[in-house]
């Protein structure tokens, strides 16, 4: 990373540390000023602009910026995962639940590639569980959340994971009969 890019990212990080002391409007303006220092199609600048709007509650304005950042394929895996999670959440808030589900499921598929890594894997699953919940799929949401939590428990990891899988299997079987 060049010194100029490192300086830019340092200033962006410093602004995010102030998020509680600036208004949402100020955050958007200040991120936009920083983003203007980069090329218009810079994936990191697009991502930061999307994040600022998302944080400010401007989901409709964040969506195209997230999409552009993701489409650029210029984000590192960590930011790419964040963009997918945050866009999935944005789509959920906009009531586009099926689209949110597809985006998050696609993100989960990326983790199958060992080279991609596991950054924000659990966070992706948690966000998908929220989408399932709003889709009226409470059992699937709970089972996904429990399966995500299970590896982090101090005890009963296998039991919780196995029970969640069994409940999910029984729920799927029962819904096939209806």
Protein backbone atom coordinates (compact mmCIF):
# COMPACT_ATOMS: atom_id res chain seq x y z
CA UNK A 1 0.00 0.00 0.00
CA UNK A 2 1.36 3.41 -0.93
CA UNK A 3 2.00 6.05 1.71
CA UNK A 4 -0.79 8.19 0.24
CA UNK A 5 -3.29 5.34 0.45
CA UNK A 6 -2.17 4.49 3.98
CA UNK A 7 -2.65 8.15 4.99
CA UNK A 8 -6.11 8.20 3.39
CA UNK A 9 -7.18 5.03 5.19
CA UNK A 10 -5.80 6.39 8.48
CA UNK A 11 -7.89 9.54 8.08
CA UNK A 12 -10.98 7.50 7.20
CA UNK A 13 -10.45 5.30 10.29
CA UNK A 14 -10.01 8.40 12.46
CA UNK A 15 -13.32 9.79 11.20
CA UNK A 16 -15.11 6.51 11.97
CA UNK A 17 -13.79 6.71 15.53
CA UNK A 18 -15.66 10.02 15.83
CA UNK A 19 -18.97 8.58 14.61
CA UNK A 20 -20.64 9.11 17.98
CA UNK A 21 -19.71 12.78 18.10
CA UNK A 22 -20.73 13.89 14.60
CA UNK A 23 -24.20 14.11 13.14
CA UNK A 24 -25.17 11.61 10.44
CA UNK A 25 -25.17 14.47 7.92
CA UNK A 26 -21.67 15.52 8.98
CA UNK A 27 -20.46 11.95 8.67
CA UNK A 28 -21.72 11.69 5.09
CA UNK A 29 -20.23 15.07 4.15
CA UNK A 30 -16.86 14.28 5.71
CA UNK A 31 -16.66 10.81 4.16
CA UNK A 32 -17.62 12.29 0.79
CA UNK A 33 -14.80 14.84 1.12
CA UNK A 34 -12.33 12.04 1.81
CA UNK A 35 -13.77 9.93 -1.01
CA UNK A 36 -13.35 12.86 -3.41
CA UNK A 37 -9.59 12.48 -2.97
CA UNK A 38 -9.80 9.10 -4.72
CA UNK A 39 -10.91 8.29 -8.28
CA UNK A 40 -14.69 8.26 -8.71
CA UNK A 41 -14.73 4.48 -9.25
CA UNK A 42 -12.34 3.65 -6.39
CA UNK A 43 -13.81 0.61 -4.60
CA UNK A 44 -12.67 1.73 -1.15
CA UNK A 45 -14.11 5.21 -1.58
CA UNK A 46 -17.40 3.75 -2.87
CA UNK A 47 -17.49 1.39 0.10
CA UNK A 48 -16.84 4.15 2.63
CA UNK A 49 -19.49 6.36 1.05
CA UNK A 50 -21.99 3.48 1.27
CA UNK A 51 -21.09 2.82 4.91
CA UNK A 52 -21.58 6.48 5.81
CA UNK A 53 -25.02 6.58 4.22
CA UNK A 54 -25.97 3.30 5.83
CA UNK A 55 -24.88 4.60 9.23
CA UNK A 56 -26.88 7.77 8.60
CA UNK A 57 -30.01 5.72 7.88
CA UNK A 58 -29.92 6.48 4.16
CA UNK A 59 -30.26 2.88 3.00
CA UNK A 60 -31.60 3.72 -0.47
CA UNK A 61 -28.60 5.95 -1.09
CA UNK A 62 -26.18 3.35 0.31
CA UNK A 63 -27.41 0.50 -1.89
CA UNK A 64 -26.01 1.63 -5.28
CA UNK A 65 -22.68 2.50 -3.68
CA UNK A 66 -22.37 -0.93 -2.08
CA UNK A 67 -23.28 -2.50 -5.42
CA UNK A 68 -20.66 -0.46 -7.26
CA UNK A 69 -17.98 -1.31 -4.70
CA UNK A 70 -18.82 -5.02 -4.93
CA UNK A 71 -19.02 -4.96 -8.74
CA UNK A 72 -15.55 -3.44 -8.96
CA UNK A 73 -14.09 -6.65 -7.49
CA UNK A 74 -11.43 -4.38 -6.01
CA UNK A 75 -12.23 -4.89 -2.34
CA UNK A 76 -10.08 -7.12 -0.18
CA UNK A 77 -11.95 -10.16 1.24
CA UNK A 78 -12.64 -8.45 4.58
CA UNK A 79 -14.19 -5.34 3.02
CA UNK A 80 -15.92 -7.47 0.39
CA UNK A 81 -17.55 -9.50 3.17
CA UNK A 82 -18.49 -6.31 5.03
CA UNK A 83 -20.02 -4.84 1.88
CA UNK A 84 -22.03 -8.01 1.23
CA UNK A 85 -23.24 -8.18 4.84
CA UNK A 86 -24.10 -4.50 4.97
CA UNK A 87 -25.85 -4.57 1.58
CA UNK A 88 -27.75 -7.68 2.70
CA UNK A 89 -28.84 -5.81 5.81
CA UNK A 90 -29.74 -2.75 3.76
CA UNK A 91 -31.87 -4.85 1.41
CA UNK A 92 -33.59 -6.41 4.44
CA UNK A 93 -34.38 -2.94 5.80
CA UNK A 94 -35.72 -1.96 2.39
CA UNK A 95 -38.04 -5.00 2.49
CA UNK A 96 -36.23 -6.88 -0.29
CA UNK A 97 -35.87 -10.08 1.69
CA UNK A 98 -35.36 -12.58 -1.14
CA UNK A 99 -32.60 -10.42 -2.61
CA UNK A 100 -31.00 -10.11 0.82
CA UNK A 101 -31.11 -13.89 1.23
CA UNK A 102 -29.52 -14.52 -2.19
CA UNK A 103 -26.74 -12.02 -1.58
CA UNK A 104 -25.90 -13.45 1.85
CA UNK A 105 -26.10 -17.06 0.64
CA UNK A 106 -23.68 -16.15 -2.16
CA UNK A 107 -21.36 -14.60 0.41
CA UNK A 108 -21.49 -17.82 2.46
CA UNK A 109 -20.49 -19.78 -0.66
CA UNK A 110 -17.31 -17.69 -0.95
CA UNK A 111 -16.11 -19.13 2.36
CA UNK A 112 -15.86 -22.58 0.76
CA UNK A 113 -12.72 -21.30 -0.99
CA UNK A 114 -9.91 -21.67 1.58
CA UNK A 115 -8.00 -18.84 -0.09
CA UNK A 116 -10.89 -16.48 0.66
CA UNK A 117 -10.61 -16.99 4.40
CA UNK A 118 -13.30 -16.89 7.07
CA UNK A 119 -13.40 -13.16 7.92
CA UNK A 120 -16.92 -12.27 9.06
CA UNK A 121 -18.27 -15.78 8.41
CA UNK A 122 -20.32 -15.83 11.61
CA UNK A 123 -21.49 -12.28 10.99
CA UNK A 124 -22.72 -13.30 7.54
CA UNK A 125 -24.67 -16.18 9.06
CA UNK A 126 -26.15 -13.93 11.77
CA UNK A 127 -27.29 -11.41 9.16
CA UNK A 128 -28.85 -14.19 7.09
CA UNK A 129 -30.66 -15.41 10.23
CA UNK A 130 -32.20 -11.94 10.60
CA UNK A 131 -33.39 -12.11 7.00
CA UNK A 132 -34.90 -15.55 7.61
CA UNK A 133 -36.70 -14.19 10.66
CA UNK A 134 -38.36 -11.41 8.67
CA UNK A 135 -39.25 -13.92 5.96
CA UNK A 136 -41.30 -15.77 8.56
CA UNK A 137 -38.77 -18.59 8.75
CA UNK A 138 -38.25 -18.41 12.52
CA UNK A 139 -37.11 -22.02 12.95
CA UNK A 140 -34.48 -21.66 10.22
CA UNK A 141 -33.36 -18.35 11.70
CA UNK A 142 -33.02 -19.81 15.18
CA UNK A 143 -31.24 -22.93 13.95
CA UNK A 144 -28.77 -20.90 11.89
CA UNK A 145 -28.12 -18.62 14.85
CA UNK A 146 -27.62 -21.59 17.17
CA UNK A 147 -25.33 -23.36 14.70
CA UNK A 148 -23.31 -20.15 14.43
CA UNK A 149 -23.12 -19.82 18.20
CA UNK A 150 -22.33 -23.47 18.95
CA UNK A 151 -18.58 -23.40 18.19
CA UNK A 152 -18.12 -20.49 20.59
CA UNK A 153 -19.75 -22.16 23.61
CA UNK A 154 -17.57 -23.36 26.46
CA UNK A 155 -19.58 -26.59 26.67
CA UNK A 156 -22.30 -28.45 24.76
CA UNK A 157 -20.98 -27.36 21.35
CA UNK A 158 -21.83 -30.60 19.59
CA UNK A 159 -25.14 -30.96 21.39
CA UNK A 160 -26.35 -27.49 20.46
CA UNK A 161 -25.20 -27.90 16.84
CA UNK A 162 -26.78 -31.36 16.56
CA UNK A 163 -30.06 -30.24 18.11
CA UNK A 164 -30.25 -27.23 15.79
CA UNK A 165 -29.62 -29.49 12.79
CA UNK A 166 -32.27 -31.96 13.95
CA UNK A 167 -34.86 -29.24 14.52
CA UNK A 168 -34.11 -27.80 11.10
CA UNK A 169 -34.44 -31.23 9.50
CA UNK A 170 -37.76 -31.88 11.28
CA UNK A 171 -39.03 -28.42 10.35
CA UNK A 172 -38.16 -29.03 6.68
CA UNK A 173 -39.84 -32.45 6.76
CA UNK A 174 -42.97 -31.01 8.39
CA UNK A 175 -43.21 -28.18 5.87
CA UNK A 176 -42.95 -30.70 3.01
CA UNK A 177 -46.12 -32.35 4.32
CA UNK A 178 -48.12 -29.13 4.36
